[in-house]
Protein backbone atom coordinates (compact mmCIF):
# COMPACT_ATOMS: atom_id res chain seq x y z
CA UNK A 1 -21.02 50.87 -18.50
CA UNK A 2 -22.45 47.24 -17.50
CA UNK A 3 -21.94 46.79 -13.51
CA UNK A 4 -20.86 43.49 -11.59
CA UNK A 5 -23.50 41.47 -10.81
CA UNK A 6 -24.80 41.51 -6.88
CA UNK A 7 -24.25 37.80 -5.33
CA UNK A 8 -27.55 37.09 -4.06
CA UNK A 9 -29.25 40.47 -5.55
CA UNK A 10 -31.53 38.45 -8.09
CA UNK A 11 -31.04 40.97 -12.06
CA UNK A 12 -34.37 42.39 -14.04
CA UNK A 13 -35.21 39.32 -14.61
CA UNK A 14 -35.53 38.00 -11.21
CA UNK A 15 -32.71 35.95 -11.96
CA UNK A 16 -29.72 35.32 -8.42
CA UNK A 17 -26.56 34.79 -9.89
CA UNK A 18 -23.82 32.70 -8.11
CA UNK A 19 -19.96 33.03 -9.01
CA UNK A 20 -19.75 33.91 -12.91
CA UNK A 21 -20.49 30.76 -15.16
CA UNK A 22 -19.73 28.87 -12.88
CA UNK A 23 -20.41 25.35 -13.33
CA UNK A 24 -22.10 23.13 -10.77
CA UNK A 25 -25.24 21.32 -9.78
CA UNK A 26 -27.95 23.89 -9.23
CA UNK A 27 -26.37 27.02 -10.93
CA UNK A 28 -27.06 28.73 -13.81
CA UNK A 29 -25.29 30.93 -15.91
CA UNK A 30 -25.24 34.80 -15.49
CA UNK A 31 -25.77 34.92 -19.23
CA UNK A 32 -26.05 32.65 -21.98
CA UNK A 33 -24.94 34.17 -25.30
CA UNK A 34 -22.15 33.36 -27.02
CA UNK A 35 -19.92 34.08 -29.87
CA UNK A 36 -21.02 32.18 -32.80
CA UNK A 37 -18.91 31.67 -36.24
CA UNK A 38 -21.21 30.48 -39.05
CA UNK A 39 -19.84 28.36 -41.96
CA UNK A 40 -21.01 27.15 -45.33
CA UNK A 41 -18.37 25.77 -47.74
CA UNK A 42 -16.31 26.30 -45.77
CA UNK A 43 -16.22 30.23 -45.91
CA UNK A 44 -17.46 32.57 -43.37
CA UNK A 45 -20.92 33.88 -43.61
CA UNK A 46 -21.27 35.51 -40.91
CA UNK A 47 -19.98 36.23 -36.78
CA UNK A 48 -21.32 37.25 -33.56
CA UNK A 49 -20.57 38.15 -29.91
């Protein structure tokens, strides 16, 4: 189970997250993971999420 982040409390990497994925100066997303689709010649080769 993944627990929600606690505001103002560093995670296991020492990063302090604000509002989840908030956009603005001096803010960073809690995670940099993003869905990816790999395509070659119009055909799907791989998908990651």
